[in-house]
Amino acid sequence: MPIHVRLLYFGQARDAAGKGEEDYVLPDGSSVDNLVERSSLAHSQIQKLRGSMQAAVNEEIAEPGQLLRDGDVVALLPPVAGG
């Protein structure tokens, strides 16, 4: 059964995607990394940012292997500089 997730883009990811958000339909058992890969296929500039971004699922920082559930909201976050 497919799952529906919303992907939010922030900072450089928003610029690379050319939009602030979009919806994806993924196979059940998909991970954050699977979603980012799909986004990278749709928006080639996202691929260049993959190593420097973090993802959050439902407002909590997530690991790339975290499995997604129907209705999840995933945010791609720009690198955070300390100082």
PDB file of N, CA and C in Angstrom:
ATOM      1  N   MET A   1       0.847  -1.176   0.000  1.00  0.00           N
ATOM      2  CA  MET A   1       0.000   0.000   0.000  1.00  0.00           C
ATOM      3  C   MET A   1       0.898   1.246   0.000  1.00  0.00           C
ATOM      4  N   PRO A   2       0.685   2.171  -0.878  1.00  0.00           N
ATOM      5  CA  PRO A   2       1.547   3.368  -0.929  1.00  0.00           C
ATOM      6  C   PRO A   2       1.282   4.300   0.248  1.00  0.00           C
ATOM      7  N   ILE A   3       2.294   5.100   0.547  1.00  0.00           N
ATOM      8  CA  ILE A   3       2.165   6.124   1.581  1.00  0.00           C
ATOM      9  C   ILE A   3       2.291   7.498   0.932  1.00  0.00           C
ATOM     10  N   HIS A   4       1.644   8.474   1.540  1.00  0.00           N
ATOM     11  CA  HIS A   4       1.688   9.852   1.059  1.00  0.00           C
ATOM     12  C   HIS A   4       2.436  10.687   2.082  1.00  0.00           C
ATOM     13  N   VAL A   5       3.465  11.392   1.631  1.00  0.00           N
ATOM     14  CA  VAL A   5       4.242  12.255   2.517  1.00  0.00           C
ATOM     15  C   VAL A   5       4.394  13.632   1.873  1.00  0.00           C
ATOM     16  N   ARG A   6       4.542  14.621   2.710  1.00  0.00           N
ATOM     17  CA  ARG A   6       4.805  15.987   2.236  1.00  0.00           C
ATOM     18  C   ARG A   6       6.268  16.292   2.528  1.00  0.00           C
ATOM     19  N   LEU A   7       6.960  16.823   1.538  1.00  0.00           N
ATOM     20  CA  LEU A   7       8.368  17.194   1.673  1.00  0.00           C
ATOM     21  C   LEU A   7       8.469  18.707   1.644  1.00  0.00           C
ATOM     22  N   LEU A   8       9.045  19.281   2.698  1.00  0.00           N
ATOM     23  CA  LEU A   8       9.252  20.720   2.802  1.00  0.00           C
ATOM     24  C   LEU A   8      10.716  21.030   2.543  1.00  0.00           C
ATOM     25  N   TYR A   9      10.962  22.075   1.770  1.00  0.00           N
ATOM     26  CA  TYR A   9      12.325  22.494   1.450  1.00  0.00           C
ATOM     27  C   TYR A   9      12.625  23.818   2.132  1.00  0.00           C
ATOM     28  N   PHE A  10      13.788  23.912   2.757  1.00  0.00           N
ATOM     29  CA  PHE A  10      14.222  25.149   3.409  1.00  0.00           C
ATOM     30  C   PHE A  10      15.613  25.541   2.911  1.00  0.00           C
ATOM     31  N   GLY A  11      15.905  26.830   2.950  1.00  0.00           N
ATOM     32  CA  GLY A  11      17.233  27.339   2.604  1.00  0.00           C
ATOM     33  C   GLY A  11      17.662  26.960   1.199  1.00  0.00           C
ATOM     34  N   GLN A  12      18.875  26.427   1.104  1.00  0.00           N
ATOM     35  CA  GLN A  12      19.437  26.047  -0.191  1.00  0.00           C
ATOM     36  C   GLN A  12      18.600  24.981  -0.895  1.00  0.00           C
ATOM     37  N   ALA A  13      17.978  24.106  -0.124  1.00  0.00           N
ATOM     38  CA  ALA A  13      17.138  23.066  -0.725  1.00  0.00           C
ATOM     39  C   ALA A  13      15.931  23.691  -1.420  1.00  0.00           C
ATOM     40  N   ARG A  14      15.386  24.738  -0.823  1.00  0.00           N
ATOM     41  CA  ARG A  14      14.251  25.442  -1.443  1.00  0.00           C
ATOM     42  C   ARG A  14      14.690  26.057  -2.773  1.00  0.00           C
ATOM     43  N   ASP A  15      15.869  26.670  -2.773  1.00  0.00           N
ATOM     44  CA  ASP A  15      16.394  27.248  -4.010  1.00  0.00           C
ATOM     45  C   ASP A  15      16.629  26.165  -5.063  1.00  0.00           C
ATOM     46  N   ALA A  16      17.180  25.035  -4.645  1.00  0.00           N
ATOM     47  CA  ALA A  16      17.494  23.952  -5.575  1.00  0.00           C
ATOM     48  C   ALA A  16      16.226  23.327  -6.164  1.00  0.00           C
ATOM     49  N   ALA A  17      15.186  23.207  -5.357  1.00  0.00           N
ATOM     50  CA  ALA A  17      13.943  22.600  -5.827  1.00  0.00           C
ATOM     51  C   ALA A  17      13.064  23.598  -6.571  1.00  0.00           C
ATOM     52  N   GLY A  18      13.273  24.872  -6.308  1.00  0.00           N
ATOM     53  CA  GLY A  18      12.457  25.889  -6.947  1.00  0.00           C
ATOM     54  C   GLY A  18      11.063  25.984  -6.371  1.00  0.00           C
ATOM     55  N   LYS A  19      10.882  25.421  -5.185  1.00  0.00           N
ATOM     56  CA  LYS A  19       9.583  25.456  -4.510  1.00  0.00           C
ATOM     57  C   LYS A  19       9.782  25.176  -3.028  1.00  0.00           C
ATOM     58  N   GLY A  20       8.779  25.452  -2.261  1.00  0.00           N
ATOM     59  CA  GLY A  20       8.859  25.269  -0.813  1.00  0.00           C
ATOM     60  C   GLY A  20       8.397  23.918  -0.315  1.00  0.00           C
ATOM     61  N   GLU A  21       7.554  23.255  -1.113  1.00  0.00           N
ATOM     62  CA  GLU A  21       7.055  21.949  -0.685  1.00  0.00           C
ATOM     63  C   GLU A  21       6.461  21.195  -1.864  1.00  0.00           C
ATOM     64  N   GLU A  22       6.354  19.879  -1.673  1.00  0.00           N
ATOM     65  CA  GLU A  22       5.671  19.043  -2.655  1.00  0.00           C
ATOM     66  C   GLU A  22       5.292  17.730  -1.995  1.00  0.00           C
ATOM     67  N   ASP A  23       4.320  17.075  -2.588  1.00  0.00           N
ATOM     68  CA  ASP A  23       3.831  15.806  -2.072  1.00  0.00           C
ATOM     69  C   ASP A  23       4.401  14.653  -2.888  1.00  0.00           C
ATOM     70  N   TYR A  24       4.679  13.554  -2.194  1.00  0.00           N
ATOM     71  CA  TYR A  24       5.188  12.343  -2.835  1.00  0.00           C
ATOM     72  C   TYR A  24       4.347  11.154  -2.417  1.00  0.00           C
ATOM     73  N   VAL A  25       4.206  10.219  -3.326  1.00  0.00           N
ATOM     74  CA  VAL A  25       3.600   8.929  -3.047  1.00  0.00           C
ATOM     75  C   VAL A  25       4.721   7.905  -3.176  1.00  0.00           C
ATOM     76  N   LEU A  26       4.958   7.168  -2.101  1.00  0.00           N
ATOM     77  CA  LEU A  26       6.071   6.217  -2.029  1.00  0.00           C
ATOM     78  C   LEU A  26       5.562   4.830  -1.657  1.00  0.00           C
ATOM     79  N   PRO A  27       6.326   3.807  -1.979  1.00  0.00           N
ATOM     80  CA  PRO A  27       5.942   2.467  -1.528  1.00  0.00           C
ATOM     81  C   PRO A  27       6.055   2.361  -0.006  1.00  0.00           C
ATOM     82  N   ASP A  28       5.184   1.569   0.585  1.00  0.00           N
ATOM     83  CA  ASP A  28       5.283   1.299   2.022  1.00  0.00           C
ATOM     84  C   ASP A  28       6.674   0.746   2.312  1.00  0.00           C
ATOM     85  N   GLY A  29       7.255   1.138   3.426  1.00  0.00           N
ATOM     86  CA  GLY A  29       8.603   0.699   3.777  1.00  0.00           C
ATOM     87  C   GLY A  29       9.687   1.637   3.283  1.00  0.00           C
ATOM     88  N   SER A  30       9.298   2.782   2.720  1.00  0.00           N
ATOM     89  CA  SER A  30      10.278   3.770   2.238  1.00  0.00           C
ATOM     90  C   SER A  30      10.887   4.531   3.411  1.00  0.00           C
ATOM     91  N   SER A  31      12.128   4.938   3.227  1.00  0.00           N
ATOM     92  CA  SER A  31      12.865   5.661   4.267  1.00  0.00           C
ATOM     93  C   SER A  31      13.047   7.132   3.871  1.00  0.00           C
ATOM     94  N   VAL A  32      13.566   7.884   4.812  1.00  0.00           N
ATOM     95  CA  VAL A  32      13.913   9.279   4.530  1.00  0.00           C
ATOM     96  C   VAL A  32      14.861   9.334   3.338  1.00  0.00           C
ATOM     97  N   ASP A  33      15.846   8.457   3.314  1.00  0.00           N
ATOM     98  CA  ASP A  33      16.813   8.455   2.219  1.00  0.00           C
ATOM     99  C   ASP A  33      16.138   8.142   0.876  1.00  0.00           C
ATOM    100  N   ASN A  34      15.167   7.244   0.879  1.00  0.00           N
ATOM    101  CA  ASN A  34      14.425   6.957  -0.359  1.00  0.00           C
ATOM    102  C   ASN A  34      13.704   8.200  -0.860  1.00  0.00           C
ATOM    103  N   LEU A  35      13.119   8.955   0.062  1.00  0.00           N
ATOM    104  CA  LEU A  35      12.419  10.180  -0.310  1.00  0.00           C
ATOM    105  C   LEU A  35      13.387  11.216  -0.875  1.00  0.00           C
ATOM    106  N   VAL A  36      14.529  11.386  -0.222  1.00  0.00           N
ATOM    107  CA  VAL A  36      15.510  12.362  -0.700  1.00  0.00           C
ATOM    108  C   VAL A  36      16.036  11.943  -2.073  1.00  0.00           C
ATOM    109  N   GLU A  37      16.197  10.657  -2.283  1.00  0.00           N
ATOM    110  CA  GLU A  37      16.630  10.173  -3.595  1.00  0.00           C
ATOM    111  C   GLU A  37      15.596  10.518  -4.666  1.00  0.00           C
ATOM    112  N   ARG A  38      14.328  10.313  -4.359  1.00  0.00           N
ATOM    113  CA  ARG A  38      13.264  10.672  -5.318  1.00  0.00           C
ATOM    114  C   ARG A  38      13.286  12.163  -5.613  1.00  0.00           C
ATOM    115  N   SER A  39      13.490  12.970  -4.575  1.00  0.00           N
ATOM    116  CA  SER A  39      13.565  14.415  -4.765  1.00  0.00           C
ATOM    117  C   SER A  39      14.764  14.781  -5.629  1.00  0.00           C
ATOM    118  N   SER A  40      15.871  14.083  -5.427  1.00  0.00           N
ATOM    119  CA  SER A  40      17.081  14.338  -6.209  1.00  0.00           C
ATOM    120  C   SER A  40      16.869  14.024  -7.683  1.00  0.00           C
ATOM    121  N   LEU A  41      16.069  13.013  -7.970  1.00  0.00           N
ATOM    122  CA  LEU A  41      15.771  12.673  -9.358  1.00  0.00           C
ATOM    123  C   LEU A  41      14.916  13.757 -10.009  1.00  0.00           C
ATOM    124  N   ALA A  42      14.025  14.345  -9.219  1.00  0.00           N
ATOM    125  CA  ALA A  42      13.155  15.394  -9.754  1.00  0.00           C
ATOM    126  C   ALA A  42      13.862  16.747  -9.835  1.00  0.00           C
ATOM    127  N   HIS A  43      14.822  16.963  -8.925  1.00  0.00           N
ATOM    128  CA  HIS A  43      15.526  18.253  -8.828  1.00  0.00           C
ATOM    129  C   HIS A  43      17.022  17.960  -8.700  1.00  0.00           C
ATOM    130  N   SER A  44      17.733  18.010  -9.804  1.00  0.00           N
ATOM    131  CA  SER A  44      19.142  17.579  -9.820  1.00  0.00           C
ATOM    132  C   SER A  44      20.026  18.342  -8.834  1.00  0.00           C
ATOM    133  N   GLN A  45      19.703  19.576  -8.524  1.00  0.00           N
ATOM    134  CA  GLN A  45      20.536  20.351  -7.602  1.00  0.00           C
ATOM    135  C   GLN A  45      20.447  19.831  -6.161  1.00  0.00           C
ATOM    136  N   ILE A  46      19.386  19.123  -5.829  1.00  0.00           N
ATOM    137  CA  ILE A  46      19.263  18.544  -4.487  1.00  0.00           C
ATOM    138  C   ILE A  46      20.382  17.530  -4.260  1.00  0.00           C
ATOM    139  N   GLN A  47      20.746  16.782  -5.286  1.00  0.00           N
ATOM    140  CA  GLN A  47      21.799  15.775  -5.160  1.00  0.00           C
ATOM    141  C   GLN A  47      23.089  16.390  -4.628  1.00  0.00           C
ATOM    142  N   LYS A  48      23.432  17.584  -5.088  1.00  0.00           N
ATOM    143  CA  LYS A  48      24.666  18.250  -4.655  1.00  0.00           C
ATOM    144  C   LYS A  48      24.626  18.632  -3.183  1.00  0.00           C
ATOM    145  N   LEU A  49      23.443  18.779  -2.619  1.00  0.00           N
ATOM    146  CA  LEU A  49      23.289  19.214  -1.223  1.00  0.00           C
ATOM    147  C   LEU A  49      23.131  18.052  -0.253  1.00  0.00           C
ATOM    148  N   ARG A  50      22.962  16.861  -0.743  1.00  0.00           N
ATOM    149  CA  ARG A  50      22.604  15.723   0.118  1.00  0.00           C
ATOM    150  C   ARG A  50      23.534  15.538   1.308  1.00  0.00           C
ATOM    151  N   GLY A  51      24.811  15.718   1.119  1.00  0.00           N
ATOM    152  CA  GLY A  51      25.748  15.493   2.213  1.00  0.00           C
ATOM    153  C   GLY A  51      25.744  16.575   3.281  1.00  0.00           C
ATOM    154  N   SER A  52      25.169  17.717   2.982  1.00  0.00           N
ATOM    155  CA  SER A  52      25.218  18.820   3.943  1.00  0.00           C
ATOM    156  C   SER A  52      23.873  19.120   4.607  1.00  0.00           C
ATOM    157  N   MET A  53      22.826  18.440   4.184  1.00  0.00           N
ATOM    158  CA  MET A  53      21.501  18.701   4.751  1.00  0.00           C
ATOM    159  C   MET A  53      21.151  17.679   5.825  1.00  0.00           C
ATOM    160  N   GLN A  54      20.239  18.089   6.691  1.00  0.00           N
ATOM    161  CA  GLN A  54      19.629  17.163   7.632  1.00  0.00           C
ATOM    162  C   GLN A  54      18.157  17.088   7.306  1.00  0.00           C
ATOM    163  N   ALA A  55      17.543  16.012   7.735  1.00  0.00           N
ATOM    164  CA  ALA A  55      16.105  15.865   7.535  1.00  0.00           C
ATOM    165  C   ALA A  55      15.422  15.767   8.887  1.00  0.00           C
ATOM    166  N   ALA A  56      14.222  16.274   8.941  1.00  0.00           N
ATOM    167  CA  ALA A  56      13.383  16.132  10.123  1.00  0.00           C
ATOM    168  C   ALA A  56      12.066  15.502   9.677  1.00  0.00           C
ATOM    169  N   VAL A  57      11.578  14.583  10.483  1.00  0.00           N
ATOM    170  CA  VAL A  57      10.281  13.964  10.223  1.00  0.00           C
ATOM    171  C   VAL A  57       9.345  14.396  11.349  1.00  0.00           C
ATOM    172  N   ASN A  58       8.270  15.044  10.975  1.00  0.00           N
ATOM    173  CA  ASN A  58       7.300  15.540  11.949  1.00  0.00           C
ATOM    174  C   ASN A  58       7.980  16.369  13.042  1.00  0.00           C
ATOM    175  N   GLU A  59       8.891  17.243  12.593  1.00  0.00           N
ATOM    176  CA  GLU A  59       9.599  18.219  13.422  1.00  0.00           C
ATOM    177  C   GLU A  59      10.638  17.624  14.365  1.00  0.00           C
ATOM    178  N   GLU A  60      11.079  16.386  14.098  1.00  0.00           N
ATOM    179  CA  GLU A  60      12.154  15.774  14.879  1.00  0.00           C
ATOM    180  C   GLU A  60      13.247  15.317  13.924  1.00  0.00           C
ATOM    181  N   ILE A  61      14.502  15.643  14.250  1.00  0.00           N
ATOM    182  CA  ILE A  61      15.635  15.249  13.409  1.00  0.00           C
ATOM    183  C   ILE A  61      15.596  13.740  13.194  1.00  0.00           C
ATOM    184  N   ALA A  62      15.830  13.330  11.951  1.00  0.00           N
ATOM    185  CA  ALA A  62      15.708  11.922  11.587  1.00  0.00           C
ATOM    186  C   ALA A  62      16.981  11.415  10.929  1.00  0.00           C
ATOM    187  N   GLU A  63      17.210  10.138  11.085  1.00  0.00           N
ATOM    188  CA  GLU A  63      18.310   9.459  10.408  1.00  0.00           C
ATOM    189  C   GLU A  63      17.863   9.095   8.993  1.00  0.00           C
ATOM    190  N   PRO A  64      18.804   8.963   8.051  1.00  0.00           N
ATOM    191  CA  PRO A  64      18.437   8.625   6.673  1.00  0.00           C
ATOM    192  C   PRO A  64      17.638   7.328   6.556  1.00  0.00           C
ATOM    193  N   GLY A  65      17.890   6.373   7.413  1.00  0.00           N
ATOM    194  CA  GLY A  65      17.212   5.084   7.338  1.00  0.00           C
ATOM    195  C   GLY A  65      15.862   5.032   8.021  1.00  0.00           C
ATOM    196  N   GLN A  66      15.446   6.129   8.646  1.00  0.00           N
ATOM    197  CA  GLN A  66      14.161   6.121   9.343  1.00  0.00           C
ATOM    198  C   GLN A  66      13.027   5.857   8.360  1.00  0.00           C
ATOM    199  N   LEU A  67      12.159   4.912   8.711  1.00  0.00           N
ATOM    200  CA  LEU A  67      11.042   4.583   7.850  1.00  0.00           C
ATOM    201  C   LEU A  67       9.949   5.630   7.968  1.00  0.00           C
ATOM    202  N   LEU A  68       9.314   5.906   6.859  1.00  0.00           N
ATOM    203  CA  LEU A  68       8.251   6.899   6.811  1.00  0.00           C
ATOM    204  C   LEU A  68       6.894   6.217   6.903  1.00  0.00           C
ATOM    205  N   ARG A  69       5.928   6.972   7.432  1.00  0.00           N
ATOM    206  CA  ARG A  69       4.558   6.484   7.538  1.00  0.00           C
ATOM    207  C   ARG A  69       3.635   7.418   6.758  1.00  0.00           C
ATOM    208  N   ASP A  70       2.498   6.906   6.399  1.00  0.00           N
ATOM    209  CA  ASP A  70       1.516   7.695   5.677  1.00  0.00           C
ATOM    210  C   ASP A  70       1.189   8.955   6.467  1.00  0.00           C
ATOM    211  N   GLY A  71       1.239  10.104   5.785  1.00  0.00           N
ATOM    212  CA  GLY A  71       0.918  11.375   6.413  1.00  0.00           C
ATOM    213  C   GLY A  71       2.099  12.107   7.033  1.00  0.00           C
ATOM    214  N   ASP A  72       3.290  11.508   7.017  1.00  0.00           N
ATOM    215  CA  ASP A  72       4.463  12.182   7.590  1.00  0.00           C
ATOM    216  C   ASP A  72       4.783  13.469   6.815  1.00  0.00           C
ATOM    217  N   VAL A  73       5.354  14.408   7.549  1.00  0.00           N
ATOM    218  CA  VAL A  73       5.872  15.643   6.952  1.00  0.00           C
ATOM    219  C   VAL A  73       7.369  15.638   7.162  1.00  0.00           C
ATOM    220  N   VAL A  74       8.110  15.677   6.074  1.00  0.00           N
ATOM    221  CA  VAL A  74       9.579  15.626   6.114  1.00  0.00           C
ATOM    222  C   VAL A  74      10.104  16.986   5.672  1.00  0.00           C
ATOM    223  N   ALA A  75      11.053  17.524   6.423  1.00  0.00           N
ATOM    224  CA  ALA A  75      11.678  18.805   6.082  1.00  0.00           C
ATOM    225  C   ALA A  75      13.152  18.586   5.781  1.00  0.00           C
ATOM    226  N   LEU A  76      13.619  19.149   4.686  1.00  0.00           N
ATOM    227  CA  LEU A  76      15.052  19.168   4.374  1.00  0.00           C
ATOM    228  C   LEU A  76      15.611  20.477   4.888  1.00  0.00           C
ATOM    229  N   LEU A  77      16.548  20.374   5.810  1.00  0.00           N
ATOM    230  CA  LEU A  77      17.065  21.517   6.525  1.00  0.00           C
ATOM    231  C   LEU A  77      18.478  21.855   6.051  1.00  0.00           C
ATOM    232  N   PRO A  78      18.766  23.143   5.910  1.00  0.00           N
ATOM    233  CA  PRO A  78      20.110  23.550   5.491  1.00  0.00           C
ATOM    234  C   PRO A  78      21.109  23.305   6.624  1.00  0.00           C
ATOM    235  N   PRO A  79      22.397  23.303   6.297  1.00  0.00           N
ATOM    236  CA  PRO A  79      23.410  23.174   7.335  1.00  0.00           C
ATOM    237  C   PRO A  79      23.301  24.339   8.320  1.00  0.00           C
ATOM    238  N   VAL A  80      23.571  24.022   9.575  1.00  0.00           N
ATOM    239  CA  VAL A  80      23.519  25.056  10.618  1.00  0.00           C
ATOM    240  C   VAL A  80      24.941  25.379  11.032  1.00  0.00           C
ATOM    241  N   ALA A  81      25.278  26.651  10.996  1.00  0.00           N
ATOM    242  CA  ALA A  81      26.620  27.095  11.405  1.00  0.00           C
ATOM    243  C   ALA A  81      26.582  27.508  12.865  1.00  0.00           C
ATOM    244  N   GLY A  82      27.594  27.129  13.588  1.00  0.00           N
ATOM    245  CA  GLY A  82      27.716  27.543  14.989  1.00  0.00           C
ATOM    246  C   GLY A  82      28.632  28.740  15.106  1.00  0.00           C
ATOM    247  N   GLY A  83      28.636  29.306  16.280  1.00  0.00           N
ATOM    248  CA  GLY A  83      29.544  30.421  16.387  1.00  0.00           C
ATOM    249  C   GLY A  83      29.573  31.067  17.700  1.00  0.00           C
TER     250      GLY A  83
END
